[in-house]
Amino acid sequence: MALVSDTATPLLAQEAFAQAKARLSDLMDQAVHDHRPQLIDRHRGKEQAVLVSVADMGMLLEGFQFHPRVSVSEGEFVIRLPELGLIAGGASYEAALDELVELAEQQAQDYLDRFDFYMQTDRRGQLGWLLKFALAPSAERRSLFSPPAPAAEAQAAQSA
């Protein structure tokens, strides 16, 4: 399904590939600084791509929230991440969380390396979550799976 037809006026600024190559710096400025996605096409619109800033993509992905489920059984912490179908475990919550981040990194790398394959499977719906994870700085990835404790619980833990 084409997003832009020859008969419709595109709502996004559209640039032919040949011109886009020559104006890439300007297009980047418009996408990053002016927050204006840039539609680039070639072969008379048969192939199209959108240039969008990472910050704007992050805002688009805000709705993709992870909902980890933590359980403890016989001294082992288990974290399930239903959005990606991952399960990690460890002797402590921190160890299980470390394993979960490592598993998610492996899954994101494999998914993006084999993108065409995964788009043909039932895992294509994971793309938003995997992009959110992949675009997050490495130091912030753990926090995607471990939300901050509520204020009352945090204060109780500190005073104990």
N, C-alpha and C. Protein backbone atom coordinates (compact mmCIF):
# COMPACT_ATOMS: atom_id res chain seq x y z
N MET A 1 0.84 -1.17 0.00
CA MET A 1 0.00 0.00 0.00
C MET A 1 0.89 1.23 0.00
N ALA A 2 0.70 2.08 -0.96
CA ALA A 2 1.50 3.30 -1.06
C ALA A 2 0.96 4.35 -0.10
N LEU A 3 1.86 5.04 0.57
CA LEU A 3 1.45 6.11 1.47
C LEU A 3 1.16 7.40 0.73
N VAL A 4 1.84 7.60 -0.38
CA VAL A 4 1.67 8.82 -1.15
C VAL A 4 1.38 8.41 -2.59
N SER A 5 0.28 8.88 -3.14
CA SER A 5 -0.04 8.54 -4.53
C SER A 5 0.32 9.71 -5.43
N ASP A 6 0.39 9.43 -6.71
CA ASP A 6 0.70 10.48 -7.67
C ASP A 6 -0.42 11.51 -7.76
N THR A 7 -1.65 11.11 -7.43
CA THR A 7 -2.79 12.02 -7.57
C THR A 7 -3.03 12.84 -6.32
N ALA A 8 -2.47 12.46 -5.20
CA ALA A 8 -2.69 13.19 -3.95
C ALA A 8 -1.50 14.11 -3.66
N THR A 9 -1.78 15.21 -3.03
CA THR A 9 -0.71 16.10 -2.58
C THR A 9 -0.18 15.55 -1.27
N PRO A 10 1.10 15.22 -1.21
CA PRO A 10 1.64 14.66 0.03
C PRO A 10 1.62 15.69 1.16
N LEU A 11 1.32 15.23 2.35
CA LEU A 11 1.33 16.11 3.51
C LEU A 11 2.74 16.32 4.04
N LEU A 12 3.61 15.36 3.79
CA LEU A 12 5.02 15.49 4.19
C LEU A 12 5.81 16.13 3.05
N ALA A 13 6.82 16.89 3.41
CA ALA A 13 7.72 17.42 2.40
C ALA A 13 8.35 16.24 1.68
N GLN A 14 8.32 16.26 0.36
CA GLN A 14 8.79 15.13 -0.44
C GLN A 14 10.00 15.56 -1.24
N GLU A 15 11.00 14.69 -1.29
CA GLU A 15 12.24 15.01 -1.99
C GLU A 15 12.64 13.79 -2.80
N ALA A 16 12.99 13.99 -4.05
CA ALA A 16 13.48 12.91 -4.88
C ALA A 16 14.86 12.49 -4.37
N PHE A 17 15.17 11.23 -4.49
CA PHE A 17 16.40 10.67 -3.95
C PHE A 17 17.64 11.40 -4.46
N ALA A 18 17.71 11.67 -5.75
CA ALA A 18 18.89 12.34 -6.31
C ALA A 18 19.10 13.71 -5.67
N GLN A 19 18.02 14.46 -5.50
CA GLN A 19 18.13 15.77 -4.86
C GLN A 19 18.41 15.62 -3.37
N ALA A 20 17.84 14.59 -2.74
CA ALA A 20 18.04 14.38 -1.31
C ALA A 20 19.51 14.12 -1.00
N LYS A 21 20.19 13.39 -1.86
CA LYS A 21 21.62 13.14 -1.64
C LYS A 21 22.39 14.46 -1.61
N ALA A 22 22.06 15.34 -2.52
CA ALA A 22 22.77 16.62 -2.59
C ALA A 22 22.38 17.55 -1.43
N ARG A 23 21.19 17.36 -0.88
CA ARG A 23 20.70 18.25 0.19
C ARG A 23 20.59 17.54 1.54
N LEU A 24 21.32 16.47 1.73
CA LEU A 24 21.17 15.68 2.95
C LEU A 24 21.38 16.51 4.22
N SER A 25 22.35 17.39 4.23
CA SER A 25 22.58 18.22 5.41
C SER A 25 21.35 19.08 5.73
N ASP A 26 20.77 19.70 4.71
CA ASP A 26 19.56 20.51 4.92
C ASP A 26 18.40 19.65 5.40
N LEU A 27 18.24 18.48 4.80
CA LEU A 27 17.14 17.59 5.20
C LEU A 27 17.31 17.11 6.63
N MET A 28 18.55 16.84 7.02
CA MET A 28 18.81 16.46 8.41
C MET A 28 18.45 17.60 9.35
N ASP A 29 18.83 18.83 9.00
CA ASP A 29 18.48 19.99 9.82
C ASP A 29 16.97 20.12 9.98
N GLN A 30 16.25 19.94 8.88
CA GLN A 30 14.79 20.04 8.95
C GLN A 30 14.20 18.94 9.82
N ALA A 31 14.73 17.73 9.70
CA ALA A 31 14.20 16.61 10.49
C ALA A 31 14.57 16.75 11.97
N VAL A 32 15.80 17.13 12.24
CA VAL A 32 16.29 17.17 13.62
C VAL A 32 15.92 18.47 14.33
N HIS A 33 16.20 19.59 13.73
CA HIS A 33 16.02 20.87 14.40
C HIS A 33 14.61 21.45 14.24
N ASP A 34 14.02 21.23 13.08
CA ASP A 34 12.67 21.76 12.84
C ASP A 34 11.58 20.72 13.12
N HIS A 35 11.99 19.50 13.45
CA HIS A 35 11.06 18.41 13.76
C HIS A 35 10.05 18.19 12.62
N ARG A 36 10.57 18.20 11.41
CA ARG A 36 9.75 17.98 10.22
C ARG A 36 10.23 16.73 9.52
N PRO A 37 9.48 15.63 9.61
CA PRO A 37 9.87 14.41 8.88
C PRO A 37 10.00 14.70 7.39
N GLN A 38 10.95 14.06 6.75
CA GLN A 38 11.21 14.28 5.34
C GLN A 38 10.95 12.99 4.56
N LEU A 39 10.05 13.05 3.59
CA LEU A 39 9.74 11.91 2.74
C LEU A 39 10.68 11.92 1.55
N ILE A 40 11.41 10.83 1.37
CA ILE A 40 12.37 10.71 0.27
C ILE A 40 11.90 9.56 -0.60
N ASP A 41 11.86 9.81 -1.91
CA ASP A 41 11.41 8.73 -2.79
C ASP A 41 12.37 8.56 -3.95
N ARG A 42 12.30 7.41 -4.56
CA ARG A 42 13.05 7.14 -5.78
C ARG A 42 12.21 6.23 -6.66
N HIS A 43 12.61 6.12 -7.88
CA HIS A 43 11.86 5.35 -8.88
C HIS A 43 10.42 5.83 -8.96
N ARG A 44 10.30 7.16 -9.02
CA ARG A 44 9.00 7.82 -9.16
C ARG A 44 8.01 7.40 -8.07
N GLY A 45 8.50 7.36 -6.86
CA GLY A 45 7.63 7.09 -5.71
C GLY A 45 7.41 5.62 -5.41
N LYS A 46 8.01 4.72 -6.16
CA LYS A 46 7.82 3.28 -5.91
C LYS A 46 8.54 2.84 -4.64
N GLU A 47 9.62 3.55 -4.30
CA GLU A 47 10.34 3.29 -3.06
C GLU A 47 10.35 4.59 -2.26
N GLN A 48 9.95 4.49 -0.99
CA GLN A 48 9.89 5.67 -0.16
C GLN A 48 10.45 5.38 1.22
N ALA A 49 11.04 6.40 1.81
CA ALA A 49 11.55 6.31 3.17
C ALA A 49 11.29 7.65 3.85
N VAL A 50 11.23 7.62 5.17
CA VAL A 50 11.01 8.84 5.94
C VAL A 50 12.23 9.07 6.82
N LEU A 51 12.75 10.27 6.75
CA LEU A 51 13.85 10.69 7.60
C LEU A 51 13.25 11.43 8.79
N VAL A 52 13.45 10.88 9.98
CA VAL A 52 12.88 11.47 11.19
C VAL A 52 13.96 11.45 12.27
N SER A 53 13.96 12.44 13.14
CA SER A 53 14.99 12.50 14.18
C SER A 53 14.78 11.40 15.21
N VAL A 54 15.86 11.01 15.86
CA VAL A 54 15.78 9.99 16.90
C VAL A 54 14.92 10.49 18.06
N ALA A 55 15.02 11.77 18.40
CA ALA A 55 14.20 12.32 19.48
C ALA A 55 12.71 12.23 19.13
N ASP A 56 12.37 12.57 17.89
CA ASP A 56 10.97 12.49 17.48
C ASP A 56 10.50 11.03 17.43
N MET A 57 11.37 10.14 16.99
CA MET A 57 11.02 8.71 16.98
C MET A 57 10.79 8.24 18.41
N GLY A 58 11.60 8.71 19.34
CA GLY A 58 11.41 8.36 20.74
C GLY A 58 10.04 8.79 21.24
N MET A 59 9.60 9.97 20.84
CA MET A 59 8.26 10.43 21.24
C MET A 59 7.18 9.56 20.60
N LEU A 60 7.39 9.15 19.36
CA LEU A 60 6.42 8.28 18.69
C LEU A 60 6.31 6.92 19.40
N LEU A 61 7.41 6.51 20.02
CA LEU A 61 7.45 5.20 20.67
C LEU A 61 7.10 5.25 22.15
N GLU A 62 6.74 6.42 22.67
CA GLU A 62 6.43 6.54 24.10
C GLU A 62 5.33 5.59 24.54
N GLY A 63 4.38 5.32 23.69
CA GLY A 63 3.28 4.43 24.04
C GLY A 63 3.68 2.97 24.18
N PHE A 64 4.86 2.63 23.72
CA PHE A 64 5.33 1.26 23.82
C PHE A 64 6.01 1.08 25.18
N GLN A 65 5.22 0.78 26.18
CA GLN A 65 5.72 0.60 27.54
C GLN A 65 5.91 -0.89 27.83
N PHE A 66 6.98 -1.21 28.51
CA PHE A 66 7.23 -2.59 28.93
C PHE A 66 6.54 -2.83 30.27
N HIS A 67 6.00 -4.03 30.43
CA HIS A 67 5.32 -4.40 31.66
C HIS A 67 5.90 -5.70 32.20
N PRO A 68 7.11 -5.62 32.79
CA PRO A 68 7.74 -6.83 33.31
C PRO A 68 6.95 -7.41 34.46
N ARG A 69 6.96 -8.71 34.54
CA ARG A 69 6.29 -9.43 35.63
C ARG A 69 7.37 -10.18 36.42
N VAL A 70 7.47 -9.85 37.68
CA VAL A 70 8.52 -10.42 38.53
C VAL A 70 7.90 -11.40 39.50
N SER A 71 8.56 -12.54 39.64
CA SER A 71 8.14 -13.52 40.65
C SER A 71 9.39 -14.11 41.29
N VAL A 72 9.20 -14.66 42.48
CA VAL A 72 10.29 -15.31 43.21
C VAL A 72 9.83 -16.70 43.57
N SER A 73 10.65 -17.67 43.23
CA SER A 73 10.32 -19.06 43.54
C SER A 73 11.58 -19.77 43.98
N GLU A 74 11.52 -20.32 45.17
CA GLU A 74 12.66 -21.07 45.73
C GLU A 74 13.96 -20.30 45.62
N GLY A 75 13.91 -19.01 45.95
CA GLY A 75 15.12 -18.19 45.98
C GLY A 75 15.59 -17.70 44.63
N GLU A 76 14.86 -17.98 43.56
CA GLU A 76 15.25 -17.49 42.24
C GLU A 76 14.25 -16.43 41.78
N PHE A 77 14.79 -15.32 41.32
CA PHE A 77 13.96 -14.25 40.77
C PHE A 77 13.75 -14.53 39.29
N VAL A 78 12.52 -14.40 38.85
CA VAL A 78 12.18 -14.60 37.45
C VAL A 78 11.46 -13.34 36.96
N ILE A 79 11.91 -12.83 35.83
CA ILE A 79 11.27 -11.66 35.21
C ILE A 79 10.78 -12.08 33.83
N ARG A 80 9.49 -11.91 33.62
CA ARG A 80 8.89 -12.19 32.33
C ARG A 80 8.60 -10.86 31.64
N LEU A 81 8.92 -10.80 30.36
CA LEU A 81 8.67 -9.60 29.58
C LEU A 81 7.74 -9.99 28.42
N PRO A 82 6.43 -9.86 28.64
CA PRO A 82 5.48 -10.36 27.64
C PRO A 82 5.59 -9.67 26.28
N GLU A 83 5.96 -8.40 26.24
CA GLU A 83 6.04 -7.68 24.97
C GLU A 83 7.04 -8.30 24.01
N LEU A 84 8.10 -8.90 24.54
CA LEU A 84 9.13 -9.52 23.71
C LEU A 84 9.18 -11.04 23.87
N GLY A 85 8.31 -11.58 24.72
CA GLY A 85 8.30 -13.03 24.93
C GLY A 85 9.56 -13.54 25.59
N LEU A 86 10.15 -12.74 26.48
CA LEU A 86 11.41 -13.12 27.13
C LEU A 86 11.17 -13.49 28.59
N ILE A 87 12.00 -14.42 29.07
CA ILE A 87 12.00 -14.82 30.48
C ILE A 87 13.46 -14.88 30.92
N ALA A 88 13.76 -14.22 32.04
CA ALA A 88 15.12 -14.22 32.58
C ALA A 88 15.05 -14.57 34.06
N GLY A 89 16.12 -15.14 34.56
CA GLY A 89 16.16 -15.51 35.97
C GLY A 89 17.53 -15.30 36.57
N GLY A 90 17.54 -15.23 37.91
CA GLY A 90 18.80 -15.08 38.61
C GLY A 90 18.61 -15.21 40.10
N ALA A 91 19.72 -15.32 40.81
CA ALA A 91 19.69 -15.48 42.27
C ALA A 91 19.22 -14.20 42.96
N SER A 92 19.29 -13.06 42.26
CA SER A 92 18.81 -11.79 42.79
C SER A 92 18.00 -11.09 41.70
N TYR A 93 17.25 -10.09 42.13
CA TYR A 93 16.50 -9.30 41.15
C TYR A 93 17.45 -8.65 40.16
N GLU A 94 18.56 -8.10 40.67
CA GLU A 94 19.54 -7.43 39.80
C GLU A 94 20.13 -8.40 38.78
N ALA A 95 20.43 -9.63 39.20
CA ALA A 95 20.99 -10.62 38.27
C ALA A 95 19.96 -10.99 37.20
N ALA A 96 18.71 -11.15 37.60
CA ALA A 96 17.66 -11.46 36.63
C ALA A 96 17.47 -10.30 35.65
N LEU A 97 17.53 -9.07 36.16
CA LEU A 97 17.38 -7.89 35.30
C LEU A 97 18.55 -7.79 34.32
N ASP A 98 19.76 -8.07 34.79
CA ASP A 98 20.93 -8.06 33.90
C ASP A 98 20.75 -9.07 32.77
N GLU A 99 20.26 -10.26 33.14
CA GLU A 99 20.05 -11.29 32.11
C GLU A 99 18.96 -10.85 31.13
N LEU A 100 17.91 -10.22 31.62
CA LEU A 100 16.82 -9.77 30.76
C LEU A 100 17.33 -8.73 29.75
N VAL A 101 18.14 -7.80 30.20
CA VAL A 101 18.70 -6.78 29.30
C VAL A 101 19.57 -7.46 28.25
N GLU A 102 20.39 -8.41 28.66
CA GLU A 102 21.25 -9.12 27.71
C GLU A 102 20.42 -9.88 26.68
N LEU A 103 19.37 -10.55 27.13
CA LEU A 103 18.49 -11.28 26.20
C LEU A 103 17.80 -10.32 25.23
N ALA A 104 17.35 -9.19 25.73
CA ALA A 104 16.68 -8.20 24.87
C ALA A 104 17.66 -7.63 23.85
N GLU A 105 18.91 -7.39 24.26
CA GLU A 105 19.92 -6.89 23.32
C GLU A 105 20.16 -7.90 22.20
N GLN A 106 20.27 -9.18 22.58
CA GLN A 106 20.47 -10.23 21.57
C GLN A 106 19.27 -10.31 20.64
N GLN A 107 18.07 -10.25 21.20
CA GLN A 107 16.87 -10.34 20.38
C GLN A 107 16.75 -9.15 19.44
N ALA A 108 17.02 -7.94 19.93
CA ALA A 108 16.94 -6.75 19.09
C ALA A 108 17.95 -6.83 17.96
N GLN A 109 19.17 -7.26 18.27
CA GLN A 109 20.20 -7.37 17.23
C GLN A 109 19.80 -8.37 16.17
N ASP A 110 19.31 -9.54 16.59
CA ASP A 110 18.89 -10.57 15.64
C ASP A 110 17.71 -10.08 14.80
N TYR A 111 16.75 -9.45 15.45
CA TYR A 111 15.56 -8.95 14.76
C TYR A 111 15.94 -7.93 13.69
N LEU A 112 16.79 -6.98 14.05
CA LEU A 112 17.17 -5.94 13.10
C LEU A 112 18.09 -6.48 12.00
N ASP A 113 18.92 -7.47 12.33
CA ASP A 113 19.78 -8.10 11.33
C ASP A 113 18.97 -8.92 10.32
N ARG A 114 17.85 -9.49 10.79
CA ARG A 114 17.01 -10.35 9.95
C ARG A 114 15.61 -9.75 9.80
N PHE A 115 15.57 -8.44 9.62
CA PHE A 115 14.33 -7.69 9.60
C PHE A 115 13.31 -8.25 8.61
N ASP A 116 13.74 -8.53 7.38
CA ASP A 116 12.82 -9.06 6.36
C ASP A 116 12.17 -10.36 6.83
N PHE A 117 12.96 -11.22 7.46
CA PHE A 117 12.44 -12.49 7.96
C PHE A 117 11.37 -12.24 9.02
N TYR A 118 11.68 -11.42 10.01
CA TYR A 118 10.74 -11.21 11.12
C TYR A 118 9.48 -10.48 10.69
N MET A 119 9.56 -9.71 9.62
CA MET A 119 8.35 -9.03 9.12
C MET A 119 7.36 -10.04 8.52
N GLN A 120 7.82 -11.26 8.28
CA GLN A 120 6.96 -12.31 7.74
C GLN A 120 6.42 -13.24 8.82
N THR A 121 6.74 -12.95 10.08
CA THR A 121 6.33 -13.81 11.18
C THR A 121 5.36 -13.09 12.11
N ASP A 122 4.85 -13.82 13.09
CA ASP A 122 3.97 -13.20 14.08
C ASP A 122 4.72 -12.27 15.02
N ARG A 123 6.04 -12.23 14.93
CA ARG A 123 6.84 -11.32 15.76
C ARG A 123 7.00 -9.93 15.15
N ARG A 124 6.39 -9.67 14.00
CA ARG A 124 6.49 -8.34 13.40
C ARG A 124 5.90 -7.29 14.32
N GLY A 125 4.95 -7.66 15.17
CA GLY A 125 4.34 -6.72 16.12
C GLY A 125 5.27 -6.26 17.22
N GLN A 126 6.44 -6.88 17.33
CA GLN A 126 7.42 -6.49 18.35
C GLN A 126 8.28 -5.31 17.91
N LEU A 127 8.14 -4.87 16.68
CA LEU A 127 9.03 -3.85 16.15
C LEU A 127 9.06 -2.58 16.99
N GLY A 128 7.92 -2.05 17.40
CA GLY A 128 7.90 -0.83 18.19
C GLY A 128 8.68 -0.96 19.48
N TRP A 129 8.48 -2.07 20.19
CA TRP A 129 9.19 -2.28 21.46
C TRP A 129 10.69 -2.45 21.22
N LEU A 130 11.04 -3.19 20.17
CA LEU A 130 12.46 -3.40 19.90
C LEU A 130 13.15 -2.11 19.46
N LEU A 131 12.45 -1.27 18.69
CA LEU A 131 13.04 0.02 18.33
C LEU A 131 13.21 0.90 19.56
N LYS A 132 12.21 0.90 20.43
CA LYS A 132 12.32 1.69 21.66
C LYS A 132 13.55 1.24 22.45
N PHE A 133 13.72 -0.06 22.58
CA PHE A 133 14.86 -0.61 23.32
C PHE A 133 16.18 -0.29 22.60
N ALA A 134 16.23 -0.50 21.29
CA ALA A 134 17.46 -0.31 20.53
C ALA A 134 17.89 1.16 20.49
N LEU A 135 16.94 2.08 20.48
CA LEU A 135 17.28 3.50 20.43
C LEU A 135 17.64 4.08 21.79
N ALA A 136 17.33 3.36 22.86
CA ALA A 136 17.67 3.83 24.20
C ALA A 136 19.18 3.73 24.41
N PRO A 137 19.79 4.73 25.03
CA PRO A 137 21.22 4.60 25.36
C PRO A 137 21.45 3.37 26.23
N SER A 138 22.57 2.72 26.05
CA SER A 138 22.88 1.48 26.80
C SER A 138 22.66 1.63 28.29
N ALA A 139 23.08 2.77 28.84
CA ALA A 139 22.97 2.99 30.29
C ALA A 139 21.52 3.10 30.76
N GLU A 140 20.59 3.35 29.86
CA GLU A 140 19.19 3.53 30.24
C GLU A 140 18.32 2.31 29.94
N ARG A 141 18.86 1.30 29.32
CA ARG A 141 18.04 0.14 28.92
C ARG A 141 17.46 -0.60 30.10
N ARG A 142 18.22 -0.74 31.17
CA ARG A 142 17.70 -1.44 32.36
C ARG A 142 16.46 -0.76 32.90
N SER A 143 16.46 0.57 32.87
CA SER A 143 15.34 1.31 33.44
C SER A 143 14.05 1.09 32.64
N LEU A 144 14.16 0.68 31.39
CA LEU A 144 12.96 0.37 30.61
C LEU A 144 12.20 -0.81 31.20
N PHE A 145 12.93 -1.71 31.86
CA PHE A 145 12.33 -2.93 32.43
C PHE A 145 12.15 -2.84 33.94
N SER A 146 12.67 -1.80 34.53
CA SER A 146 12.63 -1.65 35.99
C SER A 146 12.20 -0.24 36.34
N PRO A 147 10.89 0.01 36.34
CA PRO A 147 10.44 1.37 36.63
C PRO A 147 10.84 1.79 38.04
N PRO A 148 11.00 3.10 38.28
CA PRO A 148 11.36 3.57 39.61
C PRO A 148 10.27 3.19 40.62
N ALA A 149 10.69 2.92 41.82
CA ALA A 149 9.74 2.55 42.87
C ALA A 149 8.84 3.73 43.18
N PRO A 150 7.57 3.46 43.50
CA PRO A 150 6.68 4.55 43.91
C PRO A 150 7.27 5.28 45.12
N ALA A 151 6.98 6.55 45.25
CA ALA A 151 7.58 7.40 46.28
C ALA A 151 7.39 6.83 47.68
N ALA A 152 6.20 6.36 48.04
CA ALA A 152 5.95 5.84 49.38
C ALA A 152 6.79 4.60 49.65
N GLU A 153 6.90 3.71 48.66
CA GLU A 153 7.71 2.50 48.84
C GLU A 153 9.18 2.84 48.95
N ALA A 154 9.64 3.81 48.16
CA ALA A 154 11.04 4.20 48.20
C ALA A 154 11.40 4.81 49.55
N GLN A 155 10.53 5.64 50.09
CA GLN A 155 10.79 6.25 51.40
C GLN A 155 10.78 5.20 52.49
N ALA A 156 9.86 4.24 52.44
CA ALA A 156 9.81 3.18 53.43
C ALA A 156 11.07 2.33 53.38
N ALA A 157 11.55 2.07 52.18
CA ALA A 157 12.77 1.25 52.02
C ALA A 157 13.97 2.00 52.57
N GLN A 158 14.05 3.31 52.38
CA GLN A 158 15.18 4.07 52.87
C GLN A 158 15.18 4.19 54.38
N SER A 159 14.00 4.30 54.99
CA SER A 159 13.94 4.46 56.44
C SER A 159 14.12 3.14 57.17
N ALA A 160 14.00 2.04 56.48
CA ALA A 160 14.13 0.72 57.13
C ALA A 160 15.54 0.32 57.40
